[in-house]
Amino acid sequence: MDMDLLMAPVIIFMVIVAPIWLILHYRSKRQVGQGLTEEEFKQLNQLIAQAEKMNQRIETLEAILDTESPEWRSRHESN
């Protein structure tokens, strides 16, 4: 009797859940293996360009602060 109660969920799992689970698993693995899409690659390049601009701006601001207030770095580090 206990075996019959256990068999129904196992059969449902094997017939319905397991195949869907495997399909979704291997689909996601294939997408990861393909790498970046064209849109993702463009977005990555835009982010890289923005990061480089921000880095240049930070370097410029630090250079300005170095000339106008040479002690700014030591004051910031002590806080």
PDB file of N, CA and C in Angstrom:
ATOM      1  N   MET A   1       0.807  -1.188   0.000  1.00  0.00           N
ATOM      2  CA  MET A   1       0.000   0.000   0.000  1.00  0.00           C
ATOM      3  C   MET A   1       0.855   1.259   0.000  1.00  0.00           C
ATOM      4  N   ASP A   2       1.896   1.277   0.817  1.00  0.00           N
ATOM      5  CA  ASP A   2       2.774   2.427   0.872  1.00  0.00           C
ATOM      6  C   ASP A   2       3.521   2.615  -0.449  1.00  0.00           C
ATOM      7  N   MET A   3       3.832   1.531  -1.101  1.00  0.00           N
ATOM      8  CA  MET A   3       4.549   1.591  -2.367  1.00  0.00           C
ATOM      9  C   MET A   3       3.690   2.234  -3.452  1.00  0.00           C
ATOM     10  N   ASP A   4       2.388   1.970  -3.435  1.00  0.00           N
ATOM     11  CA  ASP A   4       1.486   2.574  -4.418  1.00  0.00           C
ATOM     12  C   ASP A   4       1.399   4.083  -4.248  1.00  0.00           C
ATOM     13  N   LEU A   5       1.397   4.541  -3.002  1.00  0.00           N
ATOM     14  CA  LEU A   5       1.351   5.982  -2.743  1.00  0.00           C
ATOM     15  C   LEU A   5       2.621   6.680  -3.206  1.00  0.00           C
ATOM     16  N   LEU A   6       3.728   6.008  -3.117  1.00  0.00           N
ATOM     17  CA  LEU A   6       5.002   6.578  -3.524  1.00  0.00           C
ATOM     18  C   LEU A   6       5.198   6.527  -5.039  1.00  0.00           C
ATOM     19  N   MET A   7       4.631   5.553  -5.689  1.00  0.00           N
ATOM     20  CA  MET A   7       4.821   5.381  -7.130  1.00  0.00           C
ATOM     21  C   MET A   7       4.170   6.501  -7.951  1.00  0.00           C
ATOM     22  N   ALA A   8       3.021   6.988  -7.545  1.00  0.00           N
ATOM     23  CA  ALA A   8       2.329   8.025  -8.314  1.00  0.00           C
ATOM     24  C   ALA A   8       3.166   9.305  -8.420  1.00  0.00           C
ATOM     25  N   PRO A   9       3.694   9.859  -7.320  1.00  0.00           N
ATOM     26  CA  PRO A   9       4.537  11.061  -7.453  1.00  0.00           C
ATOM     27  C   PRO A   9       5.810  10.804  -8.259  1.00  0.00           C
ATOM     28  N   VAL A  10       6.387   9.630  -8.107  1.00  0.00           N
ATOM     29  CA  VAL A  10       7.604   9.297  -8.849  1.00  0.00           C
ATOM     30  C   VAL A  10       7.306   9.245 -10.348  1.00  0.00           C
ATOM     31  N   ILE A  11       6.206   8.629 -10.716  1.00  0.00           N
ATOM     32  CA  ILE A  11       5.835   8.544 -12.135  1.00  0.00           C
ATOM     33  C   ILE A  11       5.551   9.932 -12.694  1.00  0.00           C
ATOM     34  N   ILE A  12       4.817  10.738 -11.933  1.00  0.00           N
ATOM     35  CA  ILE A  12       4.531  12.113 -12.390  1.00  0.00           C
ATOM     36  C   ILE A  12       5.830  12.891 -12.560  1.00  0.00           C
ATOM     37  N   PHE A  13       6.738  12.734 -11.607  1.00  0.00           N
ATOM     38  CA  PHE A  13       8.024  13.426 -11.710  1.00  0.00           C
ATOM     39  C   PHE A  13       8.792  12.982 -12.951  1.00  0.00           C
ATOM     40  N   MET A  14       8.877  11.696 -13.165  1.00  0.00           N
ATOM     41  CA  MET A  14       9.664  11.167 -14.286  1.00  0.00           C
ATOM     42  C   MET A  14       9.051  11.507 -15.638  1.00  0.00           C
ATOM     43  N   VAL A  15       7.735  11.590 -15.727  1.00  0.00           N
ATOM     44  CA  VAL A  15       7.070  11.821 -17.004  1.00  0.00           C
ATOM     45  C   VAL A  15       6.956  13.314 -17.325  1.00  0.00           C
ATOM     46  N   ILE A  16       6.754  14.155 -16.313  1.00  0.00           N
ATOM     47  CA  ILE A  16       6.483  15.574 -16.568  1.00  0.00           C
ATOM     48  C   ILE A  16       7.650  16.468 -16.146  1.00  0.00           C
ATOM     49  N   VAL A  17       8.047  16.372 -14.899  1.00  0.00           N
ATOM     50  CA  VAL A  17       9.019  17.316 -14.345  1.00  0.00           C
ATOM     51  C   VAL A  17      10.429  17.074 -14.879  1.00  0.00           C
ATOM     52  N   ALA A  18      10.891  15.865 -14.873  1.00  0.00           N
ATOM     53  CA  ALA A  18      12.261  15.569 -15.280  1.00  0.00           C
ATOM     54  C   ALA A  18      12.557  15.990 -16.724  1.00  0.00           C
ATOM     55  N   PRO A  19      11.720  15.684 -17.704  1.00  0.00           N
ATOM     56  CA  PRO A  19      12.038  16.136 -19.066  1.00  0.00           C
ATOM     57  C   PRO A  19      12.087  17.663 -19.204  1.00  0.00           C
ATOM     58  N   ILE A  20      11.146  18.353 -18.562  1.00  0.00           N
ATOM     59  CA  ILE A  20      11.159  19.827 -18.621  1.00  0.00           C
ATOM     60  C   ILE A  20      12.423  20.353 -17.958  1.00  0.00           C
ATOM     61  N   TRP A  21      12.772  19.771 -16.841  1.00  0.00           N
ATOM     62  CA  TRP A  21      13.957  20.185 -16.116  1.00  0.00           C
ATOM     63  C   TRP A  21      15.209  19.987 -16.979  1.00  0.00           C
ATOM     64  N   LEU A  22      15.330  18.869 -17.611  1.00  0.00           N
ATOM     65  CA  LEU A  22      16.492  18.601 -18.469  1.00  0.00           C
ATOM     66  C   LEU A  22      16.544  19.549 -19.665  1.00  0.00           C
ATOM     67  N   ILE A  23      15.399  19.788 -20.288  1.00  0.00           N
ATOM     68  CA  ILE A  23      15.355  20.708 -21.441  1.00  0.00           C
ATOM     69  C   ILE A  23      15.820  22.100 -21.025  1.00  0.00           C
ATOM     70  N   LEU A  24      15.280  22.597 -19.931  1.00  0.00           N
ATOM     71  CA  LEU A  24      15.665  23.932 -19.463  1.00  0.00           C
ATOM     72  C   LEU A  24      17.135  23.984 -19.051  1.00  0.00           C
ATOM     73  N   HIS A  25      17.613  22.922 -18.422  1.00  0.00           N
ATOM     74  CA  HIS A  25      19.013  22.890 -18.004  1.00  0.00           C
ATOM     75  C   HIS A  25      19.960  22.972 -19.199  1.00  0.00           C
ATOM     76  N   TYR A  26      19.730  22.131 -20.200  1.00  0.00           N
ATOM     77  CA  TYR A  26      20.642  22.117 -21.335  1.00  0.00           C
ATOM     78  C   TYR A  26      20.477  23.344 -22.235  1.00  0.00           C
ATOM     79  N   ARG A  27      19.292  23.939 -22.249  1.00  0.00           N
ATOM     80  CA  ARG A  27      19.114  25.187 -22.987  1.00  0.00           C
ATOM     81  C   ARG A  27      19.942  26.297 -22.349  1.00  0.00           C
ATOM     82  N   SER A  28      19.925  26.375 -21.036  1.00  0.00           N
ATOM     83  CA  SER A  28      20.714  27.407 -20.358  1.00  0.00           C
ATOM     84  C   SER A  28      22.212  27.151 -20.526  1.00  0.00           C
ATOM     85  N   LYS A  29      22.624  25.895 -20.508  1.00  0.00           N
ATOM     86  CA  LYS A  29      24.034  25.568 -20.729  1.00  0.00           C
ATOM     87  C   LYS A  29      24.476  25.987 -22.133  1.00  0.00           C
ATOM     88  N   ARG A  30      23.625  25.784 -23.136  1.00  0.00           N
ATOM     89  CA  ARG A  30      23.953  26.158 -24.497  1.00  0.00           C
ATOM     90  C   ARG A  30      24.073  27.678 -24.621  1.00  0.00           C
ATOM     91  N   GLN A  31      23.191  28.413 -23.975  1.00  0.00           N
ATOM     92  CA  GLN A  31      23.237  29.871 -24.042  1.00  0.00           C
ATOM     93  C   GLN A  31      24.506  30.404 -23.395  1.00  0.00           C
ATOM     94  N   VAL A  32      24.916  29.800 -22.282  1.00  0.00           N
ATOM     95  CA  VAL A  32      26.142  30.222 -21.620  1.00  0.00           C
ATOM     96  C   VAL A  32      27.342  29.909 -22.515  1.00  0.00           C
ATOM     97  N   GLY A  33      27.329  28.776 -23.171  1.00  0.00           N
ATOM     98  CA  GLY A  33      28.430  28.376 -24.030  1.00  0.00           C
ATOM     99  C   GLY A  33      28.569  29.216 -25.287  1.00  0.00           C
ATOM    100  N   GLN A  34      27.490  29.834 -25.731  1.00  0.00           N
ATOM    101  CA  GLN A  34      27.542  30.637 -26.946  1.00  0.00           C
ATOM    102  C   GLN A  34      28.236  31.969 -26.727  1.00  0.00           C
ATOM    103  N   GLY A  35      28.327  32.426 -25.504  1.00  0.00           N
ATOM    104  CA  GLY A  35      28.978  33.700 -25.222  1.00  0.00           C
ATOM    105  C   GLY A  35      27.999  34.860 -25.306  1.00  0.00           C
ATOM    106  N   LEU A  36      28.553  36.037 -25.530  1.00  0.00           N
ATOM    107  CA  LEU A  36      27.746  37.252 -25.558  1.00  0.00           C
ATOM    108  C   LEU A  36      26.995  37.398 -26.875  1.00  0.00           C
ATOM    109  N   THR A  37      25.797  37.927 -26.771  1.00  0.00           N
ATOM    110  CA  THR A  37      25.049  38.264 -27.978  1.00  0.00           C
ATOM    111  C   THR A  37      25.577  39.587 -28.522  1.00  0.00           C
ATOM    112  N   GLU A  38      25.143  39.942 -29.712  1.00  0.00           N
ATOM    113  CA  GLU A  38      25.564  41.204 -30.332  1.00  0.00           C
ATOM    114  C   GLU A  38      25.183  42.394 -29.445  1.00  0.00           C
ATOM    115  N   GLU A  39      23.974  42.372 -28.918  1.00  0.00           N
ATOM    116  CA  GLU A  39      23.495  43.462 -28.057  1.00  0.00           C
ATOM    117  C   GLU A  39      24.305  43.549 -26.771  1.00  0.00           C
ATOM    118  N   GLU A  40      24.593  42.406 -26.157  1.00  0.00           N
ATOM    119  CA  GLU A  40      25.383  42.387 -24.929  1.00  0.00           C
ATOM    120  C   GLU A  40      26.807  42.876 -25.189  1.00  0.00           C
ATOM    121  N   PHE A  41      27.362  42.525 -26.343  1.00  0.00           N
ATOM    122  CA  PHE A  41      28.711  42.962 -26.691  1.00  0.00           C
ATOM    123  C   PHE A  41      28.749  44.476 -26.870  1.00  0.00           C
ATOM    124  N   LYS A  42      27.716  45.045 -27.530  1.00  0.00           N
ATOM    125  CA  LYS A  42      27.649  46.492 -27.705  1.00  0.00           C
ATOM    126  C   LYS A  42      27.524  47.193 -26.358  1.00  0.00           C
ATOM    127  N   GLN A  43      26.688  46.638 -25.483  1.00  0.00           N
ATOM    128  CA  GLN A  43      26.497  47.227 -24.172  1.00  0.00           C
ATOM    129  C   GLN A  43      27.786  47.159 -23.351  1.00  0.00           C
ATOM    130  N   LEU A  44      28.498  46.061 -23.445  1.00  0.00           N
ATOM    131  CA  LEU A  44      29.773  45.923 -22.740  1.00  0.00           C
ATOM    132  C   LEU A  44      30.770  46.956 -23.223  1.00  0.00           C
ATOM    133  N   ASN A  45      30.851  47.160 -24.533  1.00  0.00           N
ATOM    134  CA  ASN A  45      31.767  48.166 -25.070  1.00  0.00           C
ATOM    135  C   ASN A  45      31.385  49.572 -24.627  1.00  0.00           C
ATOM    136  N   GLN A  46      30.090  49.860 -24.549  1.00  0.00           N
ATOM    137  CA  GLN A  46      29.647  51.168 -24.068  1.00  0.00           C
ATOM    138  C   GLN A  46      30.042  51.370 -22.602  1.00  0.00           C
ATOM    139  N   LEU A  47      29.886  50.331 -21.811  1.00  0.00           N
ATOM    140  CA  LEU A  47      30.262  50.425 -20.401  1.00  0.00           C
ATOM    141  C   LEU A  47      31.769  50.617 -20.238  1.00  0.00           C
ATOM    142  N   ILE A  48      32.546  49.957 -21.074  1.00  0.00           N
ATOM    143  CA  ILE A  48      34.000  50.127 -21.028  1.00  0.00           C
ATOM    144  C   ILE A  48      34.369  51.565 -21.370  1.00  0.00           C
ATOM    145  N   ALA A  49      33.733  52.127 -22.408  1.00  0.00           N
ATOM    146  CA  ALA A  49      34.010  53.514 -22.800  1.00  0.00           C
ATOM    147  C   ALA A  49      33.627  54.475 -21.678  1.00  0.00           C
ATOM    148  N   GLN A  50      32.495  54.251 -21.036  1.00  0.00           N
ATOM    149  CA  GLN A  50      32.079  55.110 -19.927  1.00  0.00           C
ATOM    150  C   GLN A  50      33.051  55.007 -18.756  1.00  0.00           C
ATOM    151  N   ALA A  51      33.525  53.820 -18.474  1.00  0.00           N
ATOM    152  CA  ALA A  51      34.483  53.630 -17.380  1.00  0.00           C
ATOM    153  C   ALA A  51      35.792  54.356 -17.676  1.00  0.00           C
ATOM    154  N   GLU A  52      36.244  54.314 -18.922  1.00  0.00           N
ATOM    155  CA  GLU A  52      37.475  55.011 -19.290  1.00  0.00           C
ATOM    156  C   GLU A  52      37.303  56.518 -19.158  1.00  0.00           C
ATOM    157  N   LYS A  53      36.145  57.054 -19.567  1.00  0.00           N
ATOM    158  CA  LYS A  53      35.876  58.487 -19.408  1.00  0.00           C
ATOM    159  C   LYS A  53      35.859  58.879 -17.943  1.00  0.00           C
ATOM    160  N   MET A  54      35.192  58.061 -17.122  1.00  0.00           N
ATOM    161  CA  MET A  54      35.148  58.355 -15.693  1.00  0.00           C
ATOM    162  C   MET A  54      36.545  58.329 -15.087  1.00  0.00           C
ATOM    163  N   ASN A  55      37.367  57.398 -15.507  1.00  0.00           N
ATOM    164  CA  ASN A  55      38.732  57.306 -15.005  1.00  0.00           C
ATOM    165  C   ASN A  55      39.528  58.554 -15.374  1.00  0.00           C
ATOM    166  N   GLN A  56      39.365  59.025 -16.616  1.00  0.00           N
ATOM    167  CA  GLN A  56      40.047  60.252 -17.034  1.00  0.00           C
ATOM    168  C   GLN A  56      39.585  61.452 -16.208  1.00  0.00           C
ATOM    169  N   ARG A  57      38.287  61.535 -15.954  1.00  0.00           N
ATOM    170  CA  ARG A  57      37.749  62.640 -15.154  1.00  0.00           C
ATOM    171  C   ARG A  57      38.288  62.605 -13.727  1.00  0.00           C
ATOM    172  N   ILE A  58      38.354  61.422 -13.158  1.00  0.00           N
ATOM    173  CA  ILE A  58      38.876  61.294 -11.795  1.00  0.00           C
ATOM    174  C   ILE A  58      40.346  61.710 -11.752  1.00  0.00           C
ATOM    175  N   GLU A  59      41.118  61.272 -12.731  1.00  0.00           N
ATOM    176  CA  GLU A  59      42.526  61.662 -12.776  1.00  0.00           C
ATOM    177  C   GLU A  59      42.668  63.170 -12.918  1.00  0.00           C
ATOM    178  N   THR A  60      41.824  63.799 -13.737  1.00  0.00           N
ATOM    179  CA  THR A  60      41.860  65.249 -13.904  1.00  0.00           C
ATOM    180  C   THR A  60      41.505  65.952 -12.595  1.00  0.00           C
ATOM    181  N   LEU A  61      40.441  65.496 -11.932  1.00  0.00           N
ATOM    182  CA  LEU A  61      40.056  66.095 -10.653  1.00  0.00           C
ATOM    183  C   LEU A  61      41.147  65.924  -9.596  1.00  0.00           C
ATOM    184  N   GLU A  62      41.778  64.776  -9.556  1.00  0.00           N
ATOM    185  CA  GLU A  62      42.863  64.569  -8.600  1.00  0.00           C
ATOM    186  C   GLU A  62      44.043  65.472  -8.906  1.00  0.00           C
ATOM    187  N   ALA A  63      44.344  65.681 -10.190  1.00  0.00           N
ATOM    188  CA  ALA A  63      45.442  66.580 -10.560  1.00  0.00           C
ATOM    189  C   ALA A  63      45.124  68.013 -10.143  1.00  0.00           C
ATOM    190  N   ILE A  64      43.890  68.436 -10.340  1.00  0.00           N
ATOM    191  CA  ILE A  64      43.480  69.786  -9.925  1.00  0.00           C
ATOM    192  C   ILE A  64      43.593  69.923  -8.411  1.00  0.00           C
ATOM    193  N   LEU A  65      43.098  68.934  -7.672  1.00  0.00           N
ATOM    194  CA  LEU A  65      43.198  68.975  -6.218  1.00  0.00           C
ATOM    195  C   LEU A  65      44.650  68.948  -5.755  1.00  0.00           C
ATOM    196  N   ASP A  66      45.507  68.201  -6.443  1.00  0.00           N
ATOM    197  CA  ASP A  66      46.921  68.154  -6.072  1.00  0.00           C
ATOM    198  C   ASP A  66      47.572  69.526  -6.184  1.00  0.00           C
ATOM    199  N   THR A  67      47.200  70.292  -7.215  1.00  0.00           N
ATOM    200  CA  THR A  67      47.810  71.622  -7.384  1.00  0.00           C
ATOM    201  C   THR A  67      47.183  72.656  -6.453  1.00  0.00           C
ATOM    202  N   GLU A  68      45.879  72.588  -6.230  1.00  0.00           N
ATOM    203  CA  GLU A  68      45.206  73.594  -5.406  1.00  0.00           C
ATOM    204  C   GLU A  68      45.281  73.294  -3.909  1.00  0.00           C
ATOM    205  N   SER A  69      45.298  72.040  -3.541  1.00  0.00           N
ATOM    206  CA  SER A  69      45.322  71.658  -2.131  1.00  0.00           C
ATOM    207  C   SER A  69      46.144  70.385  -1.983  1.00  0.00           C
ATOM    208  N   PRO A  70      47.465  70.533  -1.911  1.00  0.00           N
ATOM    209  CA  PRO A  70      48.335  69.355  -1.902  1.00  0.00           C
ATOM    210  C   PRO A  70      48.100  68.386  -0.736  1.00  0.00           C
ATOM    211  N   GLU A  71      47.537  68.863   0.363  1.00  0.00           N
ATOM    212  CA  GLU A  71      47.337  68.000   1.524  1.00  0.00           C
ATOM    213  C   GLU A  71      46.004  67.253   1.498  1.00  0.00           C
ATOM    214  N   TRP A  72      45.248  67.337   0.449  1.00  0.00           N
ATOM    215  CA  TRP A  72      43.904  66.738   0.436  1.00  0.00           C
ATOM    216  C   TRP A  72      43.935  65.228   0.617  1.00  0.00           C
ATOM    217  N   ARG A  73      44.954  64.589   0.089  1.00  0.00           N
ATOM    218  CA  ARG A  73      45.010  63.130   0.221  1.00  0.00           C
ATOM    219  C   ARG A  73      45.275  62.714   1.677  1.00  0.00           C
ATOM    220  N   SER A  74      46.181  63.385   2.346  1.00  0.00           N
ATOM    221  CA  SER A  74      46.480  63.021   3.742  1.00  0.00           C
ATOM    222  C   SER A  74      45.311  63.344   4.660  1.00  0.00           C
ATOM    223  N   ARG A  75      44.574  64.421   4.388  1.00  0.00           N
ATOM    224  CA  ARG A  75      43.399  64.738   5.206  1.00  0.00           C
ATOM    225  C   ARG A  75      42.307  63.685   5.003  1.00  0.00           C
ATOM    226  N   HIS A  76      42.150  63.226   3.773  1.00  0.00           N
ATOM    227  CA  HIS A  76      41.112  62.227   3.479  1.00  0.00           C
ATOM    228  C   HIS A  76      41.466  60.877   4.116  1.00  0.00           C
ATOM    229  N   GLU A  77      42.736  60.529   4.120  1.00  0.00           N
ATOM    230  CA  GLU A  77      43.142  59.233   4.661  1.00  0.00           C
ATOM    231  C   GLU A  77      43.030  59.198   6.177  1.00  0.00           C
ATOM    232  N   SER A  78      43.167  60.343   6.863  1.00  0.00           N
ATOM    233  CA  SER A  78      43.111  60.350   8.321  1.00  0.00           C
ATOM    234  C   SER A  78      41.687  60.228   8.838  1.00  0.00           C
ATOM    235  N   ASN A  79      40.675  60.494   8.020  1.00  0.00           N
ATOM    236  CA  ASN A  79      39.265  60.408   8.461  1.00  0.00           C
ATOM    237  C   ASN A  79      38.736  59.027   8.403  1.00  0.00           C
TER     238      ASN A  79
END
